[in-house]
Amino acid sequence: MKYIFAFIILLGFWLLFTFNLETHNLIVGAVASLIAILFFAKHFVKPVWKMLQPQRYFWFILYLIIFIWECIKANFDVAYRVLHPAMPIKPGIVKVKLNLKTNMAKTILANSITMTPGTISVDLIDDVLYVHWIYVSSTDPEEYSKKVAGRFEKYIKKIFE
């Protein structure tokens, strides 16, 4: 079941990217999807039934909106810090305790933090994520964990766990 579902998703993405329903395109997409499944299906989401729950797609869309908004805010923040004559930065590496269980959810969170300007995920060890932050505004672990990961973590938990 996992392999069939992965094949359908990959073929669907192929068709969305190529936007072409000609026979040769369908054959190439099917072959490419099969080859990808042979190598990578073992890394697909384990309980396939989770991907069939419509509320996860709702939370994913909401997460995308929040992620885009946070990226816009972070872009302005970094631009302010770079263009300011005094260059108000206070860089450091913070240790963020995660409440996520699955590796997929932890990876998505780490990548989301890295894609947000001003932060870079450095390392992920068990339930601790080390993040380089352009302006460490607090020494309280709960406060900076909420600022760095809290904005994404609750949505990622609803999507992937």
Protein backbone atom coordinates (compact mmCIF):
# COMPACT_ATOMS: atom_id res chain seq x y z
CA MET A 1 0.00 0.00 0.00
CA LYS A 2 2.87 2.34 0.88
CA TYR A 3 4.49 1.84 -2.52
CA ILE A 4 1.26 2.39 -4.45
CA PHE A 5 0.52 5.57 -2.54
CA ALA A 6 4.10 6.81 -3.07
CA PHE A 7 3.82 6.03 -6.80
CA ILE A 8 0.56 7.98 -7.10
CA ILE A 9 2.03 10.99 -5.27
CA LEU A 10 5.23 11.00 -7.34
CA LEU A 11 3.35 10.61 -10.61
CA GLY A 12 0.98 13.38 -9.53
CA PHE A 13 3.90 15.72 -8.89
CA TRP A 14 5.41 14.75 -12.24
CA LEU A 15 2.19 15.69 -13.99
CA LEU A 16 1.91 18.95 -12.06
CA PHE A 17 5.46 19.94 -12.96
CA THR A 18 5.29 18.96 -16.62
CA PHE A 19 1.62 19.87 -17.15
CA ASN A 20 1.51 17.49 -20.10
CA LEU A 21 -0.85 14.50 -20.53
CA GLU A 22 0.65 13.07 -23.72
CA THR A 23 1.40 9.34 -23.75
CA HIS A 24 5.18 9.63 -23.85
CA ASN A 25 5.11 12.04 -20.88
CA LEU A 26 2.93 9.65 -18.85
CA ILE A 27 5.32 6.75 -19.62
CA VAL A 28 8.41 8.75 -18.65
CA GLY A 29 6.68 9.95 -15.46
CA ALA A 30 5.64 6.41 -14.53
CA VAL A 31 9.15 5.05 -15.13
CA ALA A 32 10.75 7.90 -13.15
CA SER A 33 8.27 7.33 -10.31
CA LEU A 34 9.00 3.60 -10.25
CA ILE A 35 12.75 4.17 -10.17
CA ALA A 36 12.37 6.70 -7.35
CA ILE A 37 10.22 4.25 -5.39
CA LEU A 38 12.79 1.49 -5.76
CA PHE A 39 15.44 3.67 -4.13
CA PHE A 40 13.51 5.92 -1.74
CA ALA A 41 10.15 4.37 -0.75
CA LYS A 42 11.60 2.97 2.47
CA HIS A 43 11.95 6.58 3.65
CA PHE A 44 8.33 7.45 2.90
CA VAL A 45 5.91 8.19 5.75
CA LYS A 46 5.52 4.90 7.62
CA PRO A 47 1.79 4.76 8.44
CA VAL A 48 0.33 5.56 5.02
CA TRP A 49 -3.14 6.13 6.45
CA LYS A 50 -1.85 9.36 8.02
CA MET A 51 -1.44 10.85 4.56
CA LEU A 52 -5.09 10.14 3.78
CA GLN A 53 -6.46 12.32 6.59
CA PRO A 54 -7.85 15.58 5.16
CA GLN A 55 -7.20 17.62 8.33
CA ARG A 56 -3.45 17.16 7.80
CA TYR A 57 -3.75 18.96 4.47
CA PHE A 58 -5.62 21.82 6.17
CA TRP A 59 -2.82 22.15 8.75
CA PHE A 60 -0.24 21.97 5.95
CA ILE A 61 -1.84 24.89 4.09
CA LEU A 62 -2.05 26.87 7.33
CA TYR A 63 1.60 26.02 8.04
CA LEU A 64 2.64 27.27 4.58
CA ILE A 65 0.86 30.59 5.18
CA ILE A 66 2.53 31.01 8.58
CA PHE A 67 5.91 29.96 7.18
CA ILE A 68 5.70 32.51 4.36
CA TRP A 69 4.66 35.23 6.83
CA GLU A 70 7.56 34.39 9.18
CA CYS A 71 10.00 34.45 6.24
CA ILE A 72 8.78 37.89 5.20
CA LYS A 73 9.16 39.20 8.76
CA ALA A 74 12.62 37.64 9.08
CA ASN A 75 13.71 39.15 5.75
CA PHE A 76 12.81 42.63 6.98
CA ASP A 77 14.53 41.98 10.32
CA VAL A 78 17.77 40.84 8.66
CA ALA A 79 17.63 43.74 6.19
CA TYR A 80 17.23 46.17 9.11
CA ARG A 81 20.23 44.67 10.91
CA VAL A 82 22.41 44.74 7.81
CA LEU A 83 21.48 48.29 6.74
CA HIS A 84 21.60 49.82 10.23
CA PRO A 85 24.84 51.81 10.72
CA ALA A 86 25.53 50.17 14.11
CA MET A 87 24.72 46.68 12.70
CA PRO A 88 22.81 45.46 15.80
CA ILE A 89 23.62 41.77 15.80
CA LYS A 90 24.27 39.44 18.71
CA PRO A 91 24.96 36.07 17.08
CA GLY A 92 25.05 32.83 18.97
CA ILE A 93 24.10 29.19 18.96
CA VAL A 94 21.03 28.28 20.98
CA LYS A 95 19.94 24.86 22.16
CA VAL A 96 16.27 24.22 21.36
CA LYS A 97 14.46 21.31 23.03
CA LEU A 98 12.00 19.75 20.57
CA ASN A 99 8.66 18.17 21.39
CA LEU A 100 8.50 16.25 18.11
CA LYS A 101 8.73 12.45 17.98
CA THR A 102 9.25 11.48 14.34
CA ASN A 103 12.43 12.05 12.39
CA MET A 104 10.44 13.44 9.46
CA ALA A 105 8.87 16.12 11.68
CA LYS A 106 12.26 17.04 13.18
CA THR A 107 13.80 17.31 9.73
CA ILE A 108 10.98 19.51 8.41
CA LEU A 109 11.33 21.79 11.45
CA ALA A 110 15.12 22.03 11.07
CA ASN A 111 14.76 22.85 7.37
CA SER A 112 12.03 25.43 8.08
CA ILE A 113 14.29 27.16 10.59
CA THR A 114 17.19 27.13 8.15
CA MET A 115 15.06 28.57 5.35
CA THR A 116 14.01 31.47 7.59
CA PRO A 117 16.56 34.31 7.26
CA GLY A 118 18.64 34.95 10.35
CA THR A 119 18.67 31.35 11.57
CA ILE A 120 20.53 28.21 10.53
CA SER A 121 20.03 24.73 11.98
CA VAL A 122 23.48 23.48 12.91
CA ASP A 123 22.89 20.05 14.43
CA LEU A 124 20.09 17.77 15.57
CA ILE A 125 20.92 15.34 18.36
CA ASP A 126 17.99 13.27 19.67
CA ASP A 127 15.43 15.87 20.82
CA VAL A 128 17.79 18.86 20.82
CA LEU A 129 18.26 21.17 17.84
CA TYR A 130 21.21 23.56 17.80
CA VAL A 131 20.45 26.74 15.89
CA HIS A 132 22.74 29.63 14.95
CA TRP A 133 20.73 32.79 15.42
CA ILE A 134 21.70 36.26 14.17
CA TYR A 135 20.31 38.01 17.27
CA VAL A 136 20.02 36.02 20.48
CA SER A 137 17.56 38.18 22.38
CA SER A 138 17.25 36.09 25.53
CA THR A 139 19.18 33.69 27.72
CA ASP A 140 16.03 31.89 28.86
CA PRO A 141 15.79 28.56 26.97
CA GLU A 142 11.98 28.53 26.97
CA GLU A 143 11.74 32.04 25.57
CA TYR A 144 14.22 31.60 22.72
CA SER A 145 12.89 28.10 21.95
CA LYS A 146 9.46 29.65 21.52
CA LYS A 147 10.87 32.39 19.26
CA VAL A 148 12.95 30.05 17.09
CA ALA A 149 10.93 26.82 16.85
CA GLY A 150 7.62 27.43 18.56
CA ARG A 151 6.07 29.22 15.62
CA PHE A 152 6.45 26.14 13.42
CA GLU A 153 6.55 23.20 15.83
CA LYS A 154 2.86 23.02 16.75
CA TYR A 155 1.79 22.92 13.09
CA ILE A 156 4.42 20.39 12.08
CA LYS A 157 3.27 18.18 14.97
CA LYS A 158 -0.30 18.26 13.66
CA ILE A 159 0.86 17.42 10.13
CA PHE A 160 3.43 14.68 10.72
CA GLU A 161 2.53 13.07 14.05
